[in-house]
Amino acid sequence: MAGMVEPFDGSAQQQLAPQLPMQDALIVGFSPVAAAHQVAALRLGVRRRLISGVISLAIWGALLWWQRNLFGDNWWWWLVISAAITIAIVVVMVVRLVLANRRLGRIGQGEAFRIGREGLLVDPAAPRLLAWNDITAVKAAGGSADAGAKLIVEHSNGPSYQVPLMCLDTMPGTLDGALRAYSAGRKGLDVSKLDSIW
């Protein structure tokens, strides 16, 4: 199941405990912290852009009016163009804010997946245990500038499992170490397609 997933319910955890004991696994959970920080930063950015845009247009309008003889009868077009550019920038920022709010609202709660000696337990809504021998790659790739990279688990038994790294409570370095430790060095987090995750 690609994309974000729902948390485990209690019955699923009890049934799966013998397969991948909690005391012998790294539990990776969902966390809204990074997404919430992004929403707050974008909201602040929109507010600042609106204030600075209004001030800039007021100053620019006063300057154009004062020097209108130099610009001719169409001096006000310069003000219209400046206003249009400001509005376009604000619209783009608002769209980014709306999308960030939407991502924040879709973040699950509880567990995202487990890393254990038997493999990876993924997809809490329909739990699947992926054995290390069946996993072909664990990598960070894709995503957008706002949404960030995704953790992608590719395996031989079906479609890949994907979850945004931004939505996890565990840093990529910790994930890489756990993957290498529990898989006895067979797997690690491949970040070769990224210049930087954070």
N, C-alpha and C. Protein backbone atom coordinates (compact mmCIF):
# COMPACT_ATOMS: atom_id res chain seq x y z
N MET A 1 0.86 -1.20 0.00
CA MET A 1 0.00 0.00 0.00
C MET A 1 0.88 1.23 0.00
N ALA A 2 0.77 2.04 -1.02
CA ALA A 2 1.66 3.20 -1.16
C ALA A 2 1.10 4.37 -0.38
N GLY A 3 2.02 5.30 -0.02
CA GLY A 3 1.61 6.53 0.62
C GLY A 3 1.48 6.37 2.11
N MET A 4 0.77 7.31 2.73
CA MET A 4 0.60 7.27 4.17
C MET A 4 -0.31 6.12 4.56
N VAL A 5 -0.13 5.61 5.76
CA VAL A 5 -0.89 4.47 6.22
C VAL A 5 -1.51 4.79 7.56
N GLU A 6 -2.51 3.99 7.93
CA GLU A 6 -3.19 4.17 9.20
C GLU A 6 -2.45 3.43 10.30
N PRO A 7 -2.63 3.83 11.56
CA PRO A 7 -1.92 3.18 12.65
C PRO A 7 -2.45 1.79 12.94
N PHE A 8 -1.65 0.98 13.65
CA PHE A 8 -2.10 -0.32 14.11
C PHE A 8 -3.26 -0.16 15.08
N ASP A 9 -4.20 -1.09 15.07
CA ASP A 9 -5.14 -1.14 16.17
C ASP A 9 -4.61 -2.15 17.18
N GLY A 10 -5.19 -2.19 18.36
CA GLY A 10 -4.66 -3.03 19.42
C GLY A 10 -4.66 -4.50 19.08
N SER A 11 -5.74 -4.98 18.42
CA SER A 11 -5.82 -6.41 18.09
C SER A 11 -4.74 -6.81 17.12
N ALA A 12 -4.46 -5.94 16.15
CA ALA A 12 -3.41 -6.25 15.17
C ALA A 12 -2.06 -6.35 15.85
N GLN A 13 -1.78 -5.48 16.82
CA GLN A 13 -0.51 -5.51 17.53
C GLN A 13 -0.36 -6.82 18.29
N GLN A 14 -1.45 -7.27 18.95
CA GLN A 14 -1.36 -8.50 19.74
C GLN A 14 -1.13 -9.70 18.84
N GLN A 15 -1.82 -9.75 17.68
CA GLN A 15 -1.67 -10.89 16.79
C GLN A 15 -0.27 -10.94 16.18
N LEU A 16 0.35 -9.78 15.95
CA LEU A 16 1.63 -9.75 15.26
C LEU A 16 2.81 -9.79 16.21
N ALA A 17 2.55 -9.64 17.51
CA ALA A 17 3.65 -9.62 18.47
C ALA A 17 4.55 -10.84 18.38
N PRO A 18 4.01 -12.08 18.22
CA PRO A 18 4.90 -13.23 18.13
C PRO A 18 5.81 -13.19 16.90
N GLN A 19 5.35 -12.53 15.81
CA GLN A 19 6.16 -12.47 14.60
C GLN A 19 7.32 -11.48 14.76
N LEU A 20 7.04 -10.35 15.35
CA LEU A 20 8.04 -9.31 15.46
C LEU A 20 7.91 -8.66 16.84
N PRO A 21 8.49 -9.25 17.87
CA PRO A 21 8.29 -8.77 19.24
C PRO A 21 8.70 -7.32 19.39
N MET A 22 7.92 -6.56 20.13
CA MET A 22 8.21 -5.15 20.33
C MET A 22 9.53 -4.94 21.03
N GLN A 23 9.91 -5.88 21.94
CA GLN A 23 11.15 -5.69 22.67
C GLN A 23 12.38 -5.96 21.81
N ASP A 24 12.19 -6.52 20.62
CA ASP A 24 13.32 -6.80 19.75
C ASP A 24 13.12 -6.14 18.39
N ALA A 25 12.59 -4.92 18.40
CA ALA A 25 12.35 -4.21 17.15
C ALA A 25 12.42 -2.71 17.41
N LEU A 26 12.79 -1.97 16.37
CA LEU A 26 12.70 -0.51 16.43
C LEU A 26 11.31 -0.12 15.95
N ILE A 27 10.54 0.52 16.84
CA ILE A 27 9.19 0.97 16.48
C ILE A 27 9.31 2.38 15.92
N VAL A 28 8.97 2.54 14.67
CA VAL A 28 9.00 3.85 14.02
C VAL A 28 7.57 4.38 13.96
N GLY A 29 7.34 5.52 14.59
CA GLY A 29 5.99 6.06 14.67
C GLY A 29 5.80 7.29 13.79
N PHE A 30 4.54 7.65 13.66
CA PHE A 30 4.20 8.89 12.96
C PHE A 30 4.41 10.07 13.89
N SER A 31 4.82 11.19 13.34
CA SER A 31 4.99 12.41 14.11
C SER A 31 4.59 13.61 13.26
N PRO A 32 3.73 14.50 13.79
CA PRO A 32 3.31 15.68 13.03
C PRO A 32 4.23 16.89 13.23
N VAL A 33 5.30 16.73 14.00
CA VAL A 33 6.11 17.88 14.41
C VAL A 33 6.68 18.63 13.21
N ALA A 34 7.37 17.92 12.31
CA ALA A 34 8.01 18.60 11.17
C ALA A 34 6.97 19.27 10.28
N ALA A 35 5.85 18.57 10.02
CA ALA A 35 4.81 19.14 9.17
C ALA A 35 4.16 20.35 9.84
N ALA A 36 3.99 20.30 11.17
CA ALA A 36 3.41 21.43 11.89
C ALA A 36 4.34 22.64 11.84
N HIS A 37 5.64 22.40 11.96
CA HIS A 37 6.61 23.50 11.85
C HIS A 37 6.55 24.13 10.45
N GLN A 38 6.39 23.28 9.44
CA GLN A 38 6.32 23.79 8.07
C GLN A 38 5.08 24.65 7.88
N VAL A 39 3.95 24.20 8.42
CA VAL A 39 2.71 24.98 8.32
C VAL A 39 2.87 26.33 9.01
N ALA A 40 3.46 26.32 10.20
CA ALA A 40 3.66 27.58 10.94
C ALA A 40 4.57 28.53 10.17
N ALA A 41 5.64 27.99 9.57
CA ALA A 41 6.58 28.83 8.82
C ALA A 41 5.91 29.42 7.57
N LEU A 42 5.12 28.61 6.89
CA LEU A 42 4.43 29.11 5.69
C LEU A 42 3.38 30.15 6.06
N ARG A 43 2.67 29.93 7.16
CA ARG A 43 1.66 30.90 7.59
C ARG A 43 2.32 32.24 7.92
N LEU A 44 3.46 32.17 8.61
CA LEU A 44 4.20 33.39 8.93
C LEU A 44 4.70 34.06 7.66
N GLY A 45 5.16 33.25 6.69
CA GLY A 45 5.64 33.81 5.44
C GLY A 45 4.55 34.53 4.66
N VAL A 46 3.34 33.97 4.65
CA VAL A 46 2.22 34.63 3.97
C VAL A 46 1.91 35.97 4.62
N ARG A 47 1.89 35.98 5.96
CA ARG A 47 1.59 37.21 6.69
C ARG A 47 2.64 38.29 6.40
N ARG A 48 3.91 37.90 6.44
CA ARG A 48 4.98 38.86 6.17
C ARG A 48 4.94 39.38 4.73
N ARG A 49 4.64 38.47 3.80
CA ARG A 49 4.59 38.89 2.40
C ARG A 49 3.45 39.87 2.17
N LEU A 50 2.31 39.65 2.81
CA LEU A 50 1.19 40.58 2.67
C LEU A 50 1.55 41.96 3.21
N ILE A 51 2.16 41.98 4.40
CA ILE A 51 2.52 43.26 5.02
C ILE A 51 3.56 44.00 4.18
N SER A 52 4.61 43.26 3.79
CA SER A 52 5.67 43.90 3.00
C SER A 52 5.14 44.33 1.63
N GLY A 53 4.21 43.53 1.05
CA GLY A 53 3.66 43.88 -0.24
C GLY A 53 2.85 45.16 -0.19
N VAL A 54 2.02 45.30 0.85
CA VAL A 54 1.22 46.51 0.99
C VAL A 54 2.12 47.73 1.18
N ILE A 55 3.14 47.60 2.04
CA ILE A 55 4.06 48.72 2.28
C ILE A 55 4.80 49.09 0.99
N SER A 56 5.29 48.07 0.28
CA SER A 56 6.04 48.33 -0.95
C SER A 56 5.17 49.01 -2.00
N LEU A 57 3.92 48.55 -2.13
CA LEU A 57 3.02 49.15 -3.11
C LEU A 57 2.69 50.59 -2.74
N ALA A 58 2.54 50.84 -1.44
CA ALA A 58 2.25 52.21 -1.01
C ALA A 58 3.42 53.14 -1.34
N ILE A 59 4.64 52.70 -1.05
CA ILE A 59 5.83 53.51 -1.34
C ILE A 59 6.00 53.70 -2.86
N TRP A 60 5.85 52.60 -3.59
CA TRP A 60 5.99 52.63 -5.04
C TRP A 60 4.92 53.53 -5.67
N GLY A 61 3.68 53.44 -5.17
CA GLY A 61 2.60 54.27 -5.69
C GLY A 61 2.86 55.75 -5.43
N ALA A 62 3.36 56.08 -4.22
CA ALA A 62 3.66 57.48 -3.91
C ALA A 62 4.79 58.00 -4.79
N LEU A 63 5.79 57.15 -5.02
CA LEU A 63 6.91 57.56 -5.87
C LEU A 63 6.45 57.79 -7.31
N LEU A 64 5.63 56.88 -7.81
CA LEU A 64 5.13 57.03 -9.18
C LEU A 64 4.27 58.28 -9.32
N TRP A 65 3.45 58.55 -8.32
CA TRP A 65 2.61 59.75 -8.38
C TRP A 65 3.46 61.02 -8.35
N TRP A 66 4.49 60.99 -7.53
CA TRP A 66 5.37 62.15 -7.41
C TRP A 66 6.13 62.40 -8.71
N GLN A 67 6.54 61.30 -9.36
CA GLN A 67 7.32 61.40 -10.60
C GLN A 67 6.49 61.02 -11.82
N ARG A 68 5.18 61.24 -11.77
CA ARG A 68 4.32 60.80 -12.85
C ARG A 68 4.63 61.48 -14.19
N ASN A 69 5.20 62.68 -14.14
CA ASN A 69 5.55 63.36 -15.39
C ASN A 69 6.63 62.60 -16.16
N LEU A 70 7.50 61.91 -15.41
CA LEU A 70 8.57 61.15 -16.05
C LEU A 70 8.04 59.88 -16.71
N PHE A 71 6.95 59.33 -16.17
CA PHE A 71 6.42 58.06 -16.67
C PHE A 71 5.29 58.25 -17.68
N GLY A 72 4.83 59.47 -17.86
CA GLY A 72 3.77 59.73 -18.82
C GLY A 72 2.40 59.39 -18.27
N ASP A 73 1.42 59.35 -19.17
CA ASP A 73 0.04 59.12 -18.76
C ASP A 73 -0.21 57.69 -18.25
N ASN A 74 0.66 56.79 -18.62
CA ASN A 74 0.47 55.39 -18.22
C ASN A 74 1.29 55.01 -16.99
N TRP A 75 1.59 56.01 -16.18
CA TRP A 75 2.42 55.72 -14.99
C TRP A 75 1.77 54.70 -14.08
N TRP A 76 0.42 54.70 -14.02
CA TRP A 76 -0.28 53.80 -13.10
C TRP A 76 -0.15 52.33 -13.50
N TRP A 77 0.21 52.07 -14.77
CA TRP A 77 0.42 50.69 -15.19
C TRP A 77 1.57 50.04 -14.42
N TRP A 78 2.57 50.83 -14.09
CA TRP A 78 3.68 50.28 -13.30
C TRP A 78 3.19 49.81 -11.94
N LEU A 79 2.26 50.53 -11.37
CA LEU A 79 1.69 50.14 -10.09
C LEU A 79 0.85 48.87 -10.23
N VAL A 80 0.09 48.79 -11.33
CA VAL A 80 -0.72 47.59 -11.57
C VAL A 80 0.16 46.36 -11.73
N ILE A 81 1.25 46.50 -12.49
CA ILE A 81 2.18 45.37 -12.70
C ILE A 81 2.79 44.93 -11.37
N SER A 82 3.21 45.90 -10.56
CA SER A 82 3.79 45.58 -9.26
C SER A 82 2.78 44.86 -8.36
N ALA A 83 1.53 45.34 -8.38
CA ALA A 83 0.49 44.71 -7.57
C ALA A 83 0.22 43.28 -8.05
N ALA A 84 0.22 43.08 -9.36
CA ALA A 84 -0.04 41.75 -9.92
C ALA A 84 1.06 40.77 -9.51
N ILE A 85 2.31 41.23 -9.53
CA ILE A 85 3.42 40.37 -9.12
C ILE A 85 3.29 40.00 -7.65
N THR A 86 2.97 40.98 -6.81
CA THR A 86 2.80 40.73 -5.38
C THR A 86 1.67 39.74 -5.13
N ILE A 87 0.55 39.93 -5.81
CA ILE A 87 -0.60 39.04 -5.64
C ILE A 87 -0.26 37.62 -6.09
N ALA A 88 0.48 37.49 -7.19
CA ALA A 88 0.86 36.16 -7.69
C ALA A 88 1.73 35.44 -6.68
N ILE A 89 2.68 36.14 -6.09
CA ILE A 89 3.56 35.53 -5.09
C ILE A 89 2.75 35.08 -3.88
N VAL A 90 1.82 35.93 -3.43
CA VAL A 90 0.99 35.57 -2.28
C VAL A 90 0.12 34.36 -2.59
N VAL A 91 -0.44 34.30 -3.79
CA VAL A 91 -1.28 33.16 -4.17
C VAL A 91 -0.48 31.86 -4.13
N VAL A 92 0.73 31.89 -4.67
CA VAL A 92 1.59 30.70 -4.64
C VAL A 92 1.86 30.27 -3.20
N MET A 93 2.15 31.22 -2.34
CA MET A 93 2.43 30.90 -0.94
C MET A 93 1.19 30.36 -0.23
N VAL A 94 0.02 30.90 -0.55
CA VAL A 94 -1.22 30.40 0.05
C VAL A 94 -1.50 28.97 -0.41
N VAL A 95 -1.27 28.68 -1.68
CA VAL A 95 -1.45 27.32 -2.18
C VAL A 95 -0.52 26.36 -1.45
N ARG A 96 0.73 26.76 -1.26
CA ARG A 96 1.67 25.92 -0.51
C ARG A 96 1.19 25.70 0.92
N LEU A 97 0.63 26.73 1.52
CA LEU A 97 0.12 26.62 2.88
C LEU A 97 -1.06 25.66 2.95
N VAL A 98 -1.96 25.76 1.98
CA VAL A 98 -3.12 24.86 1.95
C VAL A 98 -2.68 23.40 1.80
N LEU A 99 -1.72 23.16 0.91
CA LEU A 99 -1.22 21.80 0.70
C LEU A 99 -0.51 21.28 1.95
N ALA A 100 0.25 22.15 2.62
CA ALA A 100 0.94 21.74 3.84
C ALA A 100 -0.07 21.40 4.94
N ASN A 101 -1.14 22.19 5.05
CA ASN A 101 -2.19 21.89 6.02
C ASN A 101 -2.85 20.55 5.71
N ARG A 102 -3.04 20.28 4.44
CA ARG A 102 -3.65 19.02 4.03
C ARG A 102 -2.75 17.84 4.38
N ARG A 103 -1.44 17.99 4.14
CA ARG A 103 -0.51 16.92 4.51
C ARG A 103 -0.51 16.69 6.02
N LEU A 104 -0.55 17.79 6.78
CA LEU A 104 -0.56 17.67 8.24
C LEU A 104 -1.79 16.91 8.71
N GLY A 105 -2.93 17.18 8.09
CA GLY A 105 -4.15 16.50 8.49
C GLY A 105 -4.19 15.03 8.14
N ARG A 106 -3.35 14.61 7.18
CA ARG A 106 -3.35 13.20 6.75
C ARG A 106 -2.35 12.34 7.51
N ILE A 107 -1.54 12.94 8.37
CA ILE A 107 -0.53 12.16 9.09
C ILE A 107 -1.23 11.24 10.08
N GLY A 108 -0.84 9.98 10.07
CA GLY A 108 -1.44 9.00 10.96
C GLY A 108 -0.96 9.17 12.39
N GLN A 109 -1.42 8.27 13.25
CA GLN A 109 -1.01 8.26 14.65
C GLN A 109 -0.51 6.86 14.99
N GLY A 110 0.34 6.80 16.00
CA GLY A 110 0.84 5.50 16.42
C GLY A 110 1.98 5.03 15.54
N GLU A 111 2.01 3.71 15.30
CA GLU A 111 3.13 3.11 14.56
C GLU A 111 3.00 3.32 13.06
N ALA A 112 4.15 3.51 12.44
CA ALA A 112 4.22 3.54 10.97
C ALA A 112 4.73 2.19 10.46
N PHE A 113 5.81 1.70 11.07
CA PHE A 113 6.35 0.37 10.73
C PHE A 113 7.34 -0.04 11.81
N ARG A 114 7.77 -1.29 11.75
CA ARG A 114 8.75 -1.82 12.70
C ARG A 114 9.93 -2.41 11.93
N ILE A 115 11.09 -2.27 12.52
CA ILE A 115 12.30 -2.87 11.97
C ILE A 115 12.77 -3.93 12.96
N GLY A 116 12.78 -5.18 12.53
CA GLY A 116 13.17 -6.27 13.42
C GLY A 116 14.09 -7.25 12.73
N ARG A 117 14.47 -8.28 13.44
CA ARG A 117 15.42 -9.25 12.88
C ARG A 117 14.80 -10.07 11.75
N GLU A 118 13.47 -10.23 11.78
CA GLU A 118 12.81 -10.98 10.72
C GLU A 118 12.62 -10.16 9.46
N GLY A 119 12.63 -8.83 9.58
CA GLY A 119 12.42 -7.97 8.43
C GLY A 119 11.69 -6.70 8.84
N LEU A 120 10.89 -6.17 7.93
CA LEU A 120 10.12 -4.95 8.19
C LEU A 120 8.64 -5.31 8.26
N LEU A 121 7.99 -4.82 9.30
CA LEU A 121 6.55 -4.96 9.42
C LEU A 121 5.93 -3.64 8.98
N VAL A 122 5.25 -3.65 7.85
CA VAL A 122 4.73 -2.41 7.26
C VAL A 122 3.22 -2.48 7.10
N ASP A 123 2.65 -1.33 6.71
CA ASP A 123 1.22 -1.26 6.41
C ASP A 123 0.35 -1.66 7.59
N PRO A 124 0.33 -0.86 8.66
CA PRO A 124 -0.46 -1.24 9.83
C PRO A 124 -1.93 -1.51 9.53
N ALA A 125 -2.51 -0.86 8.51
CA ALA A 125 -3.91 -1.10 8.19
C ALA A 125 -4.13 -2.52 7.67
N ALA A 126 -3.13 -3.08 7.01
CA ALA A 126 -3.17 -4.46 6.52
C ALA A 126 -1.76 -5.01 6.67
N PRO A 127 -1.36 -5.35 7.90
CA PRO A 127 0.04 -5.64 8.23
C PRO A 127 0.68 -6.69 7.32
N ARG A 128 1.90 -6.36 6.88
CA ARG A 128 2.69 -7.28 6.06
C ARG A 128 4.09 -7.35 6.65
N LEU A 129 4.59 -8.56 6.80
CA LEU A 129 5.96 -8.75 7.25
C LEU A 129 6.83 -9.03 6.03
N LEU A 130 7.74 -8.10 5.72
CA LEU A 130 8.64 -8.25 4.58
C LEU A 130 9.97 -8.79 5.07
N ALA A 131 10.28 -10.02 4.69
CA ALA A 131 11.54 -10.64 5.10
C ALA A 131 12.70 -9.94 4.41
N TRP A 132 13.84 -9.93 5.09
CA TRP A 132 15.01 -9.25 4.54
C TRP A 132 15.38 -9.79 3.15
N ASN A 133 15.24 -11.09 2.96
CA ASN A 133 15.60 -11.68 1.67
C ASN A 133 14.68 -11.21 0.54
N ASP A 134 13.46 -10.78 0.90
CA ASP A 134 12.51 -10.33 -0.12
C ASP A 134 12.63 -8.84 -0.42
N ILE A 135 13.32 -8.11 0.43
CA ILE A 135 13.46 -6.67 0.25
C ILE A 135 14.62 -6.40 -0.71
N THR A 136 14.32 -5.67 -1.77
CA THR A 136 15.35 -5.39 -2.77
C THR A 136 16.02 -4.03 -2.55
N ALA A 137 15.31 -3.09 -1.91
CA ALA A 137 15.89 -1.76 -1.67
C ALA A 137 15.09 -1.03 -0.61
N VAL A 138 15.80 -0.25 0.20
CA VAL A 138 15.18 0.69 1.14
C VAL A 138 15.85 2.03 0.87
N LYS A 139 15.09 2.97 0.34
CA LYS A 139 15.73 4.21 -0.12
C LYS A 139 14.88 5.43 0.20
N ALA A 140 15.54 6.57 0.19
CA ALA A 140 14.87 7.86 0.32
C ALA A 140 14.93 8.53 -1.05
N ALA A 141 13.77 8.83 -1.60
CA ALA A 141 13.74 9.39 -2.95
C ALA A 141 12.40 10.06 -3.18
N GLY A 142 12.33 10.76 -4.32
CA GLY A 142 11.07 11.36 -4.73
C GLY A 142 10.64 12.50 -3.83
N GLY A 143 9.35 12.82 -3.91
CA GLY A 143 8.82 13.90 -3.10
C GLY A 143 9.04 15.25 -3.76
N SER A 144 8.44 16.28 -3.16
CA SER A 144 8.56 17.64 -3.67
C SER A 144 9.36 18.48 -2.68
N ALA A 145 9.61 19.74 -3.06
CA ALA A 145 10.38 20.61 -2.18
C ALA A 145 9.68 20.80 -0.84
N ASP A 146 8.34 20.86 -0.85
CA ASP A 146 7.60 21.05 0.39
C ASP A 146 7.37 19.73 1.13
N ALA A 147 6.96 18.69 0.40
CA ALA A 147 6.62 17.43 1.04
C ALA A 147 7.85 16.65 1.47
N GLY A 148 8.98 16.90 0.83
CA GLY A 148 10.20 16.20 1.20
C GLY A 148 10.26 14.80 0.60
N ALA A 149 11.32 14.10 0.95
CA ALA A 149 11.55 12.77 0.40
C ALA A 149 10.64 11.73 1.03
N LYS A 150 10.47 10.63 0.33
CA LYS A 150 9.71 9.49 0.84
C LYS A 150 10.64 8.34 1.17
N LEU A 151 10.28 7.59 2.20
CA LEU A 151 10.95 6.32 2.47
C LEU A 151 10.25 5.28 1.61
N ILE A 152 11.01 4.63 0.75
CA ILE A 152 10.45 3.65 -0.18
C ILE A 152 11.08 2.29 0.08
N VAL A 153 10.24 1.30 0.36
CA VAL A 153 10.70 -0.08 0.57
C VAL A 153 10.25 -0.90 -0.62
N GLU A 154 11.20 -1.32 -1.43
CA GLU A 154 10.89 -2.15 -2.60
C GLU A 154 11.15 -3.61 -2.26
N HIS A 155 10.24 -4.47 -2.70
CA HIS A 155 10.38 -5.90 -2.38
C HIS A 155 9.79 -6.73 -3.51
N SER A 156 10.01 -8.02 -3.44
CA SER A 156 9.64 -8.92 -4.54
C SER A 156 8.22 -9.45 -4.44
N ASN A 157 7.48 -9.07 -3.39
CA ASN A 157 6.16 -9.66 -3.18
C ASN A 157 4.99 -8.73 -3.47
N GLY A 158 5.24 -7.62 -4.17
CA GLY A 158 4.14 -6.72 -4.47
C GLY A 158 4.60 -5.29 -4.60
N PRO A 159 3.64 -4.36 -4.57
CA PRO A 159 3.98 -2.94 -4.72
C PRO A 159 4.82 -2.44 -3.56
N SER A 160 5.59 -1.40 -3.82
CA SER A 160 6.47 -0.86 -2.79
C SER A 160 5.67 -0.19 -1.68
N TYR A 161 6.26 -0.14 -0.49
CA TYR A 161 5.68 0.57 0.65
C TYR A 161 6.33 1.94 0.71
N GLN A 162 5.51 3.00 0.81
CA GLN A 162 6.04 4.36 0.81
C GLN A 162 5.42 5.18 1.92
N VAL A 163 6.24 5.99 2.56
CA VAL A 163 5.75 6.91 3.59
C VAL A 163 6.69 8.12 3.62
N PRO A 164 6.16 9.34 3.70
CA PRO A 164 7.04 10.52 3.75
C PRO A 164 7.93 10.52 4.98
N LEU A 165 9.20 10.77 4.79
CA LEU A 165 10.13 10.83 5.92
C LEU A 165 9.76 11.94 6.89
N MET A 166 9.17 13.01 6.37
CA MET A 166 8.77 14.12 7.22
C MET A 166 7.76 13.70 8.29
N CYS A 167 7.00 12.66 7.99
CA CYS A 167 5.92 12.22 8.89
C CYS A 167 6.39 11.25 9.96
N LEU A 168 7.67 10.91 9.98
CA LEU A 168 8.18 9.91 10.92
C LEU A 168 8.87 10.56 12.11
N ASP A 169 8.88 9.84 13.23
CA ASP A 169 9.52 10.36 14.44
C ASP A 169 10.97 9.94 14.57
N THR A 170 11.51 9.32 13.54
CA THR A 170 12.87 8.79 13.57
C THR A 170 13.70 9.40 12.44
N MET A 171 14.90 9.86 12.77
CA MET A 171 15.75 10.51 11.78
C MET A 171 16.34 9.48 10.81
N PRO A 172 16.67 9.90 9.58
CA PRO A 172 17.23 8.98 8.59
C PRO A 172 18.47 8.24 9.07
N GLY A 173 19.34 8.92 9.82
CA GLY A 173 20.55 8.25 10.31
C GLY A 173 20.23 7.10 11.26
N THR A 174 19.22 7.30 12.10
CA THR A 174 18.79 6.24 13.02
C THR A 174 18.16 5.09 12.24
N LEU A 175 17.37 5.41 11.23
CA LEU A 175 16.77 4.37 10.40
C LEU A 175 17.85 3.54 9.71
N ASP A 176 18.85 4.22 9.17
CA ASP A 176 19.93 3.52 8.48
C ASP A 176 20.66 2.58 9.44
N GLY A 177 20.96 3.07 10.64
CA GLY A 177 21.65 2.23 11.61
C GLY A 177 20.83 1.02 12.02
N ALA A 178 19.53 1.23 12.23
CA ALA A 178 18.66 0.12 12.62
C ALA A 178 18.53 -0.91 11.50
N LEU A 179 18.40 -0.42 10.28
CA LEU A 179 18.30 -1.34 9.14
C LEU A 179 19.54 -2.21 9.03
N ARG A 180 20.70 -1.61 9.18
CA ARG A 180 21.95 -2.36 9.07
C ARG A 180 22.12 -3.33 10.23
N ALA A 181 21.73 -2.89 11.42
CA ALA A 181 21.89 -3.75 12.60
C ALA A 181 20.95 -4.96 12.55
N TYR A 182 19.67 -4.73 12.28
CA TYR A 182 18.70 -5.82 12.30
C TYR A 182 18.82 -6.74 11.10
N SER A 183 19.34 -6.22 9.97
CA SER A 183 19.50 -7.07 8.79
C SER A 183 20.88 -7.69 8.71
N ALA A 184 21.68 -7.49 9.76
CA ALA A 184 23.05 -8.01 9.79
C ALA A 184 23.88 -7.46 8.63
N GLY A 185 23.66 -6.17 8.33
CA GLY A 185 24.45 -5.51 7.31
C GLY A 185 23.97 -5.69 5.89
N ARG A 186 22.87 -6.42 5.71
CA ARG A 186 22.40 -6.67 4.35
C ARG A 186 21.67 -5.47 3.74
N LYS A 187 21.03 -4.67 4.57
CA LYS A 187 20.26 -3.53 4.07
C LYS A 187 20.62 -2.27 4.84
N GLY A 188 20.47 -1.13 4.16
CA GLY A 188 20.65 0.17 4.77
C GLY A 188 19.77 1.16 4.04
N LEU A 189 19.70 2.38 4.53
CA LEU A 189 18.89 3.41 3.87
C LEU A 189 19.73 4.07 2.79
N ASP A 190 19.32 3.89 1.55
CA ASP A 190 20.03 4.45 0.40
C ASP A 190 19.55 5.89 0.18
N VAL A 191 20.43 6.86 0.38
CA VAL A 191 20.08 8.27 0.16
C VAL A 191 20.88 8.85 -1.01
N SER A 192 21.36 8.00 -1.88
CA SER A 192 22.23 8.45 -2.98
C SER A 192 21.50 9.38 -3.94
N LYS A 193 20.18 9.30 -4.01
CA LYS A 193 19.44 10.15 -4.94
C LYS A 193 19.05 11.49 -4.33
N LEU A 194 19.50 11.73 -3.11
CA LEU A 194 19.19 12.99 -2.44
C LEU A 194 20.46 13.74 -2.15
N ASP A 195 20.42 15.08 -2.34
CA ASP A 195 21.54 15.92 -1.92
C ASP A 195 21.50 16.10 -0.42
N SER A 196 20.29 16.28 0.11
CA SER A 196 20.11 16.47 1.55
C SER A 196 18.66 16.18 1.89
N ILE A 197 18.44 15.51 3.01
CA ILE A 197 17.08 15.24 3.46
C ILE A 197 16.64 16.34 4.40
N TRP A 198 17.51 16.72 5.37
CA TRP A 198 17.24 17.83 6.27
C TRP A 198 18.44 18.74 6.32
